[in-house]
Amino acid sequence: MNAEPVYARRIAKSQLAGMGCLLQLIGLILLFFFPIGTIIGLALLILGHFSARKLICGNCGNPVASRSVKLCPARHAQFR
């Protein structure tokens, strides 16, 4: 008997607490200190955005290490 494979999607989810959120907050404050603070603030906003994003399995909700992973580490669902 052949079991059919389980398929899932990788879902990007933003965290509301942590280092990424802190970087975004500092970047937002620095935006008002023209001109150097604005440049540094924009860089921190972008860096914080990417730091706050995490990948999770759409099937079970467990964290996924990267986009190159082919199987869910917990349930072994194949990513599409």
N, C-alpha and C. Protein backbone atom coordinates (compact mmCIF):
# COMPACT_ATOMS: atom_id res chain seq x y z
N MET A 1 0.84 -1.16 0.00
CA MET A 1 0.00 0.00 0.00
C MET A 1 0.90 1.24 0.00
N ASN A 2 0.65 2.16 -0.92
CA ASN A 2 1.45 3.36 -1.08
C ASN A 2 0.72 4.56 -0.48
N ALA A 3 1.32 5.21 0.48
CA ALA A 3 0.70 6.39 1.08
C ALA A 3 0.99 7.61 0.20
N GLU A 4 -0.01 8.45 0.00
CA GLU A 4 0.17 9.64 -0.80
C GLU A 4 0.95 10.68 0.01
N PRO A 5 1.84 11.43 -0.65
CA PRO A 5 2.61 12.44 0.07
C PRO A 5 1.73 13.61 0.51
N VAL A 6 2.10 14.20 1.62
CA VAL A 6 1.40 15.38 2.14
C VAL A 6 2.14 16.61 1.65
N TYR A 7 1.40 17.57 1.11
CA TYR A 7 2.01 18.80 0.60
C TYR A 7 1.65 19.96 1.51
N ALA A 8 2.57 20.91 1.61
CA ALA A 8 2.35 22.11 2.43
C ALA A 8 3.03 23.30 1.76
N ARG A 9 2.72 24.48 2.26
CA ARG A 9 3.36 25.70 1.79
C ARG A 9 4.20 26.30 2.91
N ARG A 10 5.25 27.03 2.52
CA ARG A 10 6.00 27.82 3.49
C ARG A 10 5.28 29.16 3.61
N ILE A 11 5.03 29.58 4.84
CA ILE A 11 4.33 30.84 5.07
C ILE A 11 5.26 31.79 5.80
N ALA A 12 5.39 33.01 5.28
CA ALA A 12 6.20 34.03 5.95
C ALA A 12 5.33 34.72 6.99
N LYS A 13 5.82 34.77 8.21
CA LYS A 13 5.07 35.36 9.30
C LYS A 13 5.96 36.37 10.01
N SER A 14 5.42 37.52 10.33
CA SER A 14 6.18 38.55 11.04
C SER A 14 5.96 38.41 12.54
N GLN A 15 7.04 38.58 13.27
CA GLN A 15 6.95 38.53 14.73
C GLN A 15 6.71 39.94 15.25
N LEU A 16 5.94 40.05 16.30
CA LEU A 16 5.65 41.35 16.88
C LEU A 16 6.59 41.71 18.02
N ALA A 17 7.47 40.81 18.40
CA ALA A 17 8.43 41.09 19.46
C ALA A 17 9.76 40.47 19.05
N GLY A 18 10.83 41.04 19.52
CA GLY A 18 12.15 40.50 19.22
C GLY A 18 13.06 41.55 18.64
N MET A 19 14.19 41.09 18.13
CA MET A 19 15.22 41.98 17.62
C MET A 19 14.75 42.74 16.38
N GLY A 20 14.00 42.10 15.50
CA GLY A 20 13.52 42.78 14.30
C GLY A 20 12.60 43.94 14.63
N CYS A 21 11.73 43.75 15.60
CA CYS A 21 10.81 44.81 16.03
C CYS A 21 11.58 45.96 16.67
N LEU A 22 12.58 45.63 17.45
CA LEU A 22 13.40 46.66 18.09
C LEU A 22 14.15 47.49 17.04
N LEU A 23 14.70 46.84 16.03
CA LEU A 23 15.40 47.57 14.96
C LEU A 23 14.44 48.49 14.22
N GLN A 24 13.23 48.03 13.98
CA GLN A 24 12.25 48.86 13.29
C GLN A 24 11.86 50.07 14.13
N LEU A 25 11.73 49.89 15.43
CA LEU A 25 11.39 51.00 16.32
C LEU A 25 12.51 52.05 16.34
N ILE A 26 13.74 51.61 16.44
CA ILE A 26 14.87 52.54 16.44
C ILE A 26 14.95 53.26 15.10
N GLY A 27 14.73 52.52 14.01
CA GLY A 27 14.73 53.12 12.68
C GLY A 27 13.66 54.17 12.52
N LEU A 28 12.49 53.92 13.08
CA LEU A 28 11.39 54.87 13.00
C LEU A 28 11.72 56.15 13.76
N ILE A 29 12.36 56.02 14.90
CA ILE A 29 12.75 57.20 15.68
C ILE A 29 13.82 58.00 14.95
N LEU A 30 14.79 57.30 14.35
CA LEU A 30 15.89 57.98 13.66
C LEU A 30 15.45 58.69 12.38
N LEU A 31 14.31 58.34 11.83
CA LEU A 31 13.83 58.99 10.61
C LEU A 31 13.69 60.50 10.77
N PHE A 32 13.44 60.95 11.99
CA PHE A 32 13.18 62.37 12.22
C PHE A 32 14.44 63.20 12.39
N PHE A 33 15.61 62.58 12.42
CA PHE A 33 16.87 63.30 12.57
C PHE A 33 17.55 63.43 11.21
N PHE A 34 17.13 64.44 10.47
CA PHE A 34 17.59 64.66 9.10
C PHE A 34 19.02 65.17 9.09
N PRO A 35 19.86 64.82 8.17
CA PRO A 35 19.80 63.88 7.06
C PRO A 35 20.39 62.51 7.38
N ILE A 36 21.37 62.46 8.29
CA ILE A 36 22.04 61.19 8.58
C ILE A 36 21.09 60.21 9.27
N GLY A 37 20.32 60.69 10.21
CA GLY A 37 19.37 59.83 10.92
C GLY A 37 18.34 59.23 9.99
N THR A 38 17.95 59.99 8.96
CA THR A 38 16.98 59.48 7.99
C THR A 38 17.55 58.30 7.21
N ILE A 39 18.79 58.42 6.80
CA ILE A 39 19.43 57.34 6.03
C ILE A 39 19.61 56.10 6.90
N ILE A 40 20.12 56.29 8.10
CA ILE A 40 20.32 55.17 9.02
C ILE A 40 18.97 54.58 9.42
N GLY A 41 17.97 55.44 9.64
CA GLY A 41 16.64 54.98 10.01
C GLY A 41 16.00 54.10 8.93
N LEU A 42 16.14 54.50 7.67
CA LEU A 42 15.62 53.68 6.57
C LEU A 42 16.32 52.33 6.51
N ALA A 43 17.63 52.34 6.69
CA ALA A 43 18.38 51.08 6.67
C ALA A 43 17.93 50.16 7.81
N LEU A 44 17.72 50.73 8.99
CA LEU A 44 17.26 49.92 10.13
C LEU A 44 15.84 49.41 9.95
N LEU A 45 14.98 50.20 9.32
CA LEU A 45 13.63 49.73 9.03
C LEU A 45 13.64 48.52 8.11
N ILE A 46 14.46 48.59 7.08
CA ILE A 46 14.55 47.46 6.12
C ILE A 46 15.17 46.25 6.79
N LEU A 47 16.25 46.44 7.52
CA LEU A 47 16.91 45.34 8.22
C LEU A 47 15.98 44.71 9.26
N GLY A 48 15.26 45.53 9.99
CA GLY A 48 14.32 45.03 10.98
C GLY A 48 13.18 44.25 10.36
N HIS A 49 12.72 44.70 9.19
CA HIS A 49 11.64 43.99 8.50
C HIS A 49 12.06 42.57 8.15
N PHE A 50 13.25 42.41 7.61
CA PHE A 50 13.71 41.08 7.23
C PHE A 50 14.11 40.23 8.44
N SER A 51 14.52 40.87 9.53
CA SER A 51 14.84 40.12 10.74
C SER A 51 13.59 39.60 11.45
N ALA A 52 12.49 40.32 11.31
CA ALA A 52 11.25 39.93 11.99
C ALA A 52 10.49 38.84 11.24
N ARG A 53 10.81 38.60 9.97
CA ARG A 53 10.09 37.59 9.18
C ARG A 53 10.67 36.21 9.42
N LYS A 54 9.79 35.27 9.70
CA LYS A 54 10.17 33.88 9.90
C LYS A 54 9.31 33.01 8.99
N LEU A 55 9.85 31.88 8.57
CA LEU A 55 9.10 30.93 7.75
C LEU A 55 8.52 29.84 8.64
N ILE A 56 7.25 29.51 8.40
CA ILE A 56 6.61 28.41 9.12
C ILE A 56 5.96 27.47 8.12
N CYS A 57 5.73 26.25 8.53
CA CYS A 57 5.04 25.25 7.71
C CYS A 57 3.55 25.57 7.72
N GLY A 58 2.94 25.60 6.54
CA GLY A 58 1.51 25.87 6.44
C GLY A 58 0.65 24.72 6.92
N ASN A 59 1.23 23.55 7.05
CA ASN A 59 0.49 22.36 7.48
C ASN A 59 0.42 22.25 9.00
N CYS A 60 1.55 22.43 9.67
CA CYS A 60 1.57 22.21 11.12
C CYS A 60 1.98 23.44 11.93
N GLY A 61 2.54 24.47 11.29
CA GLY A 61 2.91 25.69 12.00
C GLY A 61 4.28 25.68 12.63
N ASN A 62 5.06 24.64 12.41
CA ASN A 62 6.41 24.59 12.97
C ASN A 62 7.36 25.47 12.16
N PRO A 63 8.40 26.01 12.80
CA PRO A 63 9.36 26.86 12.07
C PRO A 63 10.14 26.06 11.03
N VAL A 64 10.46 26.74 9.92
CA VAL A 64 11.25 26.17 8.84
C VAL A 64 12.53 26.99 8.73
N ALA A 65 13.66 26.32 8.57
CA ALA A 65 14.96 27.00 8.61
C ALA A 65 15.16 27.97 7.45
N SER A 66 14.85 27.56 6.21
CA SER A 66 15.09 28.43 5.06
C SER A 66 14.19 28.03 3.90
N ARG A 67 14.27 28.80 2.84
CA ARG A 67 13.47 28.50 1.65
C ARG A 67 13.99 27.27 0.89
N SER A 68 15.21 26.86 1.14
CA SER A 68 15.79 25.73 0.42
C SER A 68 15.38 24.37 1.01
N VAL A 69 14.73 24.37 2.17
CA VAL A 69 14.31 23.12 2.81
C VAL A 69 13.16 22.52 2.00
N LYS A 70 13.24 21.23 1.72
CA LYS A 70 12.23 20.55 0.89
C LYS A 70 11.14 19.87 1.70
N LEU A 71 11.45 19.50 2.96
CA LEU A 71 10.50 18.80 3.81
C LEU A 71 10.33 19.53 5.14
N CYS A 72 9.12 19.47 5.69
CA CYS A 72 8.87 20.02 7.02
C CYS A 72 9.66 19.19 8.04
N PRO A 73 10.40 19.82 8.94
CA PRO A 73 11.19 19.06 9.90
C PRO A 73 10.35 18.26 10.89
N ALA A 74 9.11 18.64 11.13
CA ALA A 74 8.29 17.95 12.13
C ALA A 74 7.40 16.87 11.51
N ARG A 75 6.67 17.22 10.45
CA ARG A 75 5.68 16.29 9.88
C ARG A 75 6.10 15.69 8.54
N HIS A 76 7.23 16.11 8.01
CA HIS A 76 7.79 15.61 6.76
C HIS A 76 6.86 15.84 5.57
N ALA A 77 6.11 16.93 5.60
CA ALA A 77 5.29 17.31 4.45
C ALA A 77 6.21 17.93 3.40
N GLN A 78 5.93 17.70 2.14
CA GLN A 78 6.73 18.25 1.05
C GLN A 78 6.25 19.66 0.75
N PHE A 79 7.22 20.58 0.61
CA PHE A 79 6.88 21.96 0.30
C PHE A 79 6.76 22.12 -1.21
N ARG A 80 5.76 22.89 -1.62
CA ARG A 80 5.55 23.16 -3.05
C ARG A 80 6.23 24.41 -3.44
